[in-house]
Amino acid sequence: MGAASDLLACHRYSRKSNRPAAPKVYVHSHSPKLEHVLVLTRARNQNVEHCNGRGDVEGVPKFFEKLAKEFANKHGLEITVIKGDDLEKQGFRLMHAVGRASKNEPVFVNLAYKGNPDSDHWVSYVGKGVCFDTGGLNIKAAGGMKDMYMDKCGAVSVFTAFQYVVEEKLKLNLTVSMGWVENSISKNAYRPSDIIASRKGITVEIGNTDAEGRLVLADCMHWTQEKYKTDVLIELSTLTGAIIAALGHRFAGLFTND
């Protein structure tokens, strides 16, 4: 009953718009399964909270950079952070182009957890973290823009899944890469018809600045594959409205070679 009560309390709390103090639930148990449920519940609750975060609080790339650094310090993890103009210098030209119009500089973050030191095999998570998406110069209609604080849900989800694996001390080697950007409009915005070289060296002609997610992911995925020679790569993103047109609002699209 304790675990169920905690699950319900977290669920109710995450749905409230005024965000009161989280209810305190005390559970006493010697069951390892119960602790597993509580860790999973906290991860799920954090995922909902951060996906719904917006504006200059949780909508800014540096907010998630700070969260990642705090988590890395707490658990003694290897962390790589590349941001601002350093992204362009290190080959993240596509990601830099997407984020350069915003006053909030784009940030690439990678965390690595070696839970199985006897193995050289790596599983990699990659997530799209577009903290807000105006559409860029190919600006979205007002009705299509208001929920774009949720365009970061892919990166939020892989981050919380990574945290769960670390806190549960699972025996696998896992790395997570996140591209945190804001797709904004200013005199520095990238343009339709621009031709930009990806980190891999492939040139990309920009047909629509509202197709920014695949640009961010291309550089993040290449860096991850180059760094870790990963065996399995799982990428999560709110990538295209065409998925909703095809599958509706209750299903996600899965593309895989497995």
Protein backbone atom coordinates (compact mmCIF):
# COMPACT_ATOMS: atom_id res chain seq x y z
CA MET A 1 0.00 0.00 0.00
CA GLY A 2 2.92 2.31 0.77
CA ALA A 3 4.34 2.13 -2.75
CA ALA A 4 0.94 2.70 -4.32
CA SER A 5 0.32 5.71 -2.09
CA ASP A 6 3.69 7.21 -3.05
CA LEU A 7 2.99 6.68 -6.73
CA LEU A 8 -0.38 8.41 -6.49
CA ALA A 9 0.99 11.28 -4.45
CA CYS A 10 3.75 11.95 -6.98
CA HIS A 11 1.29 11.73 -9.84
CA ARG A 12 -1.12 14.22 -8.28
CA TYR A 13 1.68 16.62 -7.41
CA SER A 14 3.10 16.66 -10.93
CA ARG A 15 -0.27 17.60 -12.40
CA LYS A 16 -0.85 20.69 -10.27
CA SER A 17 -0.16 23.99 -11.96
CA ASN A 18 0.61 25.99 -8.82
CA ARG A 19 3.17 23.41 -7.65
CA PRO A 20 2.72 23.33 -3.85
CA ALA A 21 5.25 21.64 -1.61
CA ALA A 22 5.55 17.97 -2.48
CA PRO A 23 3.67 15.72 -0.05
CA LYS A 24 5.86 13.76 2.34
CA VAL A 25 5.23 10.04 2.20
CA TYR A 26 7.03 7.76 4.66
CA VAL A 27 7.45 4.14 3.67
CA HIS A 28 9.11 1.44 5.78
CA SER A 29 9.93 -1.79 4.01
CA HIS A 30 12.75 -4.29 3.58
CA SER A 31 11.58 -5.21 0.10
CA PRO A 32 14.12 -4.34 -2.66
CA LYS A 33 11.21 -4.26 -5.13
CA LEU A 34 9.62 -1.37 -3.23
CA GLU A 35 12.79 0.72 -3.39
CA HIS A 36 12.95 0.00 -7.11
CA VAL A 37 9.40 1.33 -7.53
CA LEU A 38 10.20 4.50 -5.59
CA VAL A 39 13.32 5.23 -7.69
CA LEU A 40 11.31 4.68 -10.85
CA THR A 41 8.53 6.94 -9.54
CA ARG A 42 10.95 9.76 -8.75
CA ALA A 43 12.46 9.49 -12.23
CA ARG A 44 9.03 9.56 -13.86
CA ASN A 45 7.93 12.52 -11.73
CA GLN A 46 11.09 14.47 -12.55
CA ASN A 47 10.56 13.74 -16.23
CA VAL A 48 7.04 15.23 -16.14
CA GLU A 49 8.17 18.28 -14.19
CA HIS A 50 11.07 19.13 -16.52
CA CYS A 51 9.12 18.44 -19.71
CA ASN A 52 6.52 20.94 -18.51
CA GLY A 53 9.14 23.50 -17.44
CA ARG A 54 9.15 26.64 -19.55
CA GLY A 55 10.38 30.18 -20.08
CA ASP A 56 13.54 31.49 -18.46
CA VAL A 57 13.49 28.83 -15.74
CA GLU A 58 13.58 25.37 -17.30
CA GLY A 59 13.51 26.57 -20.91
CA VAL A 60 17.12 27.72 -20.90
CA PRO A 61 19.94 25.36 -21.96
CA LYS A 62 22.17 26.41 -19.05
CA PHE A 63 19.52 25.15 -16.60
CA PHE A 64 19.98 21.60 -17.87
CA GLU A 65 23.75 22.04 -18.05
CA LYS A 66 23.65 22.86 -14.32
CA LEU A 67 21.47 19.81 -13.58
CA ALA A 68 23.84 17.53 -15.47
CA LYS A 69 26.90 18.91 -13.68
CA GLU A 70 25.27 18.47 -10.28
CA PHE A 71 24.35 14.87 -11.10
CA ALA A 72 27.84 14.12 -12.42
CA ASN A 73 29.47 15.55 -9.29
CA LYS A 74 27.12 13.62 -7.02
CA HIS A 75 27.89 10.26 -8.66
CA GLY A 76 31.49 10.83 -9.80
CA LEU A 77 30.66 10.59 -13.52
CA GLU A 78 32.62 11.73 -16.55
CA ILE A 79 30.97 14.78 -18.14
CA THR A 80 31.66 16.70 -21.35
CA VAL A 81 30.17 20.16 -21.93
CA ILE A 82 30.61 22.13 -25.17
CA LYS A 83 28.72 25.39 -25.62
CA GLY A 84 28.39 28.64 -27.50
CA ASP A 85 30.91 29.35 -30.24
CA ASP A 86 33.04 26.41 -29.07
CA LEU A 87 30.41 24.18 -30.68
CA GLU A 88 31.25 25.59 -34.10
CA LYS A 89 34.98 25.29 -33.42
CA GLN A 90 34.56 21.61 -32.51
CA GLY A 91 32.49 20.78 -35.58
CA PHE A 92 28.94 21.07 -34.20
CA ARG A 93 28.13 23.50 -37.01
CA LEU A 94 24.54 22.33 -37.50
CA MET A 95 23.67 22.53 -33.80
CA HIS A 96 25.42 25.90 -33.49
CA ALA A 97 23.47 27.27 -36.45
CA VAL A 98 20.16 26.31 -34.85
CA GLY A 99 21.00 27.91 -31.51
CA ARG A 100 22.99 30.97 -32.50
CA ALA A 101 19.99 33.34 -32.80
CA SER A 102 19.02 32.94 -29.15
CA LYS A 103 20.40 35.05 -26.30
CA ASN A 104 20.76 31.72 -24.47
CA GLU A 105 23.75 29.92 -25.97
CA PRO A 106 23.36 26.31 -27.13
CA VAL A 107 24.91 23.59 -24.95
CA PHE A 108 25.98 20.03 -25.75
CA VAL A 109 26.21 17.77 -22.70
CA ASN A 110 27.44 14.18 -22.48
CA LEU A 111 27.50 11.97 -19.37
CA ALA A 112 29.09 8.53 -19.14
CA TYR A 113 28.40 5.75 -16.62
CA LYS A 114 30.61 2.65 -16.67
CA GLY A 115 28.49 0.22 -14.69
CA ASN A 116 30.24 -2.81 -16.16
CA PRO A 117 34.01 -2.17 -16.07
CA ASP A 118 34.67 -5.67 -17.45
CA SER A 119 32.97 -4.82 -20.74
CA ASP A 120 33.91 -2.50 -23.60
CA HIS A 121 30.36 -2.44 -24.95
CA TRP A 122 28.41 0.80 -24.72
CA VAL A 123 24.73 1.66 -24.99
CA SER A 124 24.10 5.28 -25.98
CA TYR A 125 21.14 7.56 -25.44
CA VAL A 126 20.80 10.73 -27.53
CA GLY A 127 18.07 13.33 -27.01
CA LYS A 128 16.76 16.43 -28.76
CA GLY A 129 16.65 19.30 -26.28
CA VAL A 130 15.10 22.21 -28.17
CA CYS A 131 14.02 24.21 -25.12
CA PHE A 132 11.75 26.40 -27.22
CA ASP A 133 11.06 26.28 -30.93
CA THR A 134 9.75 29.36 -32.73
CA GLY A 135 10.38 27.66 -36.06
CA GLY A 136 13.16 30.15 -36.80
CA LEU A 137 12.77 32.33 -39.90
CA ASN A 138 10.21 29.77 -41.14
CA ILE A 139 8.19 30.87 -38.14
CA LYS A 140 5.41 28.68 -36.76
CA ALA A 141 1.82 29.85 -36.62
CA ALA A 142 0.83 31.15 -33.19
CA GLY A 143 -1.31 28.11 -32.46
CA GLY A 144 1.52 25.76 -33.34
CA MET A 145 4.10 27.60 -31.25
CA LYS A 146 2.51 27.83 -27.81
CA ASP A 147 3.41 24.28 -26.73
CA MET A 148 6.95 24.33 -28.10
CA TYR A 149 8.48 24.45 -24.63
CA MET A 150 7.91 20.68 -24.85
CA ASP A 151 10.25 20.31 -27.82
CA LYS A 152 12.92 19.36 -25.28
CA CYS A 153 11.13 16.22 -24.10
CA GLY A 154 13.45 13.84 -25.94
CA ALA A 155 16.52 15.09 -24.10
CA VAL A 156 14.66 15.31 -20.79
CA SER A 157 13.54 11.69 -21.18
CA VAL A 158 16.98 10.26 -21.96
CA PHE A 159 18.47 12.27 -19.09
CA THR A 160 15.99 10.96 -16.52
CA ALA A 161 16.35 7.41 -17.89
CA PHE A 162 20.13 7.75 -17.52
CA GLN A 163 19.71 9.00 -13.95
CA TYR A 164 17.56 5.98 -13.15
CA VAL A 165 20.19 3.56 -14.48
CA VAL A 166 22.93 5.24 -12.42
CA GLU A 167 20.88 5.37 -9.21
CA GLU A 168 19.86 1.72 -9.60
CA LYS A 169 23.55 0.84 -10.23
CA LEU A 170 22.62 -1.30 -13.22
CA LYS A 171 25.46 -3.36 -14.68
CA LEU A 172 25.90 -1.79 -18.08
CA ASN A 173 27.94 0.93 -19.70
CA LEU A 174 25.66 3.80 -20.66
CA THR A 175 26.30 7.23 -22.11
CA VAL A 176 23.81 10.02 -22.75
CA SER A 177 24.23 12.95 -25.16
CA MET A 178 21.90 15.94 -25.15
CA GLY A 179 21.73 18.92 -27.49
CA TRP A 180 20.16 21.83 -25.58
CA VAL A 181 19.23 24.78 -27.84
CA GLU A 182 16.58 27.42 -28.49
CA ASN A 183 15.46 27.89 -32.09
CA SER A 184 14.90 31.64 -32.09
CA ILE A 185 14.76 34.61 -34.47
CA SER A 186 17.29 37.44 -34.59
CA LYS A 187 19.78 39.02 -36.98
CA ASN A 188 22.00 35.96 -36.36
CA ALA A 189 19.37 33.38 -37.35
CA TYR A 190 20.29 30.74 -39.87
CA ARG A 191 18.40 30.96 -43.15
CA PRO A 192 16.54 28.74 -45.59
CA SER A 193 18.97 27.93 -48.45
CA ASP A 194 22.05 28.04 -46.17
CA ILE A 195 24.48 25.17 -46.78
CA ILE A 196 26.17 24.01 -43.58
CA ALA A 197 28.68 21.20 -43.07
CA SER A 198 27.78 18.71 -40.32
CA ARG A 199 30.28 17.43 -37.80
CA LYS A 200 30.57 14.30 -39.94
CA GLY A 201 31.50 16.46 -42.92
CA ILE A 202 28.30 16.00 -44.92
CA THR A 203 26.88 19.28 -46.23
CA VAL A 204 23.25 20.06 -45.51
CA GLU A 205 21.12 22.54 -47.44
CA ILE A 206 18.53 24.12 -45.17
CA GLY A 207 15.09 23.85 -46.74
CA ASN A 208 13.13 24.93 -43.67
CA THR A 209 14.47 26.34 -40.39
CA ASP A 210 11.63 24.58 -38.55
CA ALA A 211 13.32 21.24 -39.32
CA GLU A 212 15.91 22.06 -36.67
CA GLY A 213 15.76 18.89 -34.58
CA ARG A 214 17.45 16.62 -37.12
CA LEU A 215 20.28 19.15 -37.41
CA VAL A 216 20.93 19.13 -33.66
CA LEU A 217 20.72 15.34 -33.52
CA ALA A 218 23.04 14.77 -36.49
CA ASP A 219 25.98 16.42 -34.72
CA CYS A 220 25.15 14.88 -31.32
CA MET A 221 24.85 11.38 -32.77
CA HIS A 222 28.10 11.64 -34.73
CA TRP A 223 30.05 12.84 -31.68
CA THR A 224 28.62 9.97 -29.62
CA GLN A 225 29.40 7.31 -32.22
CA GLU A 226 32.91 8.67 -32.70
CA LYS A 227 33.64 8.87 -28.97
CA TYR A 228 32.18 5.58 -27.76
CA LYS A 229 32.01 3.26 -30.81
CA THR A 230 28.59 2.45 -29.44
CA ASP A 231 26.92 -0.93 -29.98
CA VAL A 232 23.34 0.30 -29.44
CA LEU A 233 22.11 3.87 -29.96
CA ILE A 234 18.65 4.95 -28.83
CA GLU A 235 17.51 8.44 -29.83
CA LEU A 236 14.39 10.18 -28.51
CA SER A 237 12.89 13.34 -29.98
CA THR A 238 9.73 15.29 -30.70
CA LEU A 239 10.95 15.42 -34.27
CA THR A 240 8.04 15.93 -36.64
CA GLY A 241 4.32 16.62 -36.70
CA ALA A 242 4.05 14.11 -39.54
CA ILE A 243 4.15 11.37 -36.90
CA ILE A 244 0.95 12.78 -35.36
CA ALA A 245 -0.66 12.92 -38.79
CA ALA A 246 0.22 9.26 -39.32
CA LEU A 247 -0.29 7.76 -35.85
CA GLY A 248 -2.36 10.24 -33.83
CA HIS A 249 -1.64 11.53 -30.33
CA ARG A 250 -1.53 8.23 -28.43
CA PHE A 251 1.31 6.48 -30.24
CA ALA A 252 4.96 7.22 -30.94
CA GLY A 253 6.82 6.30 -34.11
CA LEU A 254 9.71 3.86 -33.90
CA PHE A 255 12.39 3.57 -36.58
CA THR A 256 14.90 0.77 -36.08
CA ASN A 257 17.26 -1.63 -37.84
CA ASP A 258 16.71 -4.23 -35.08
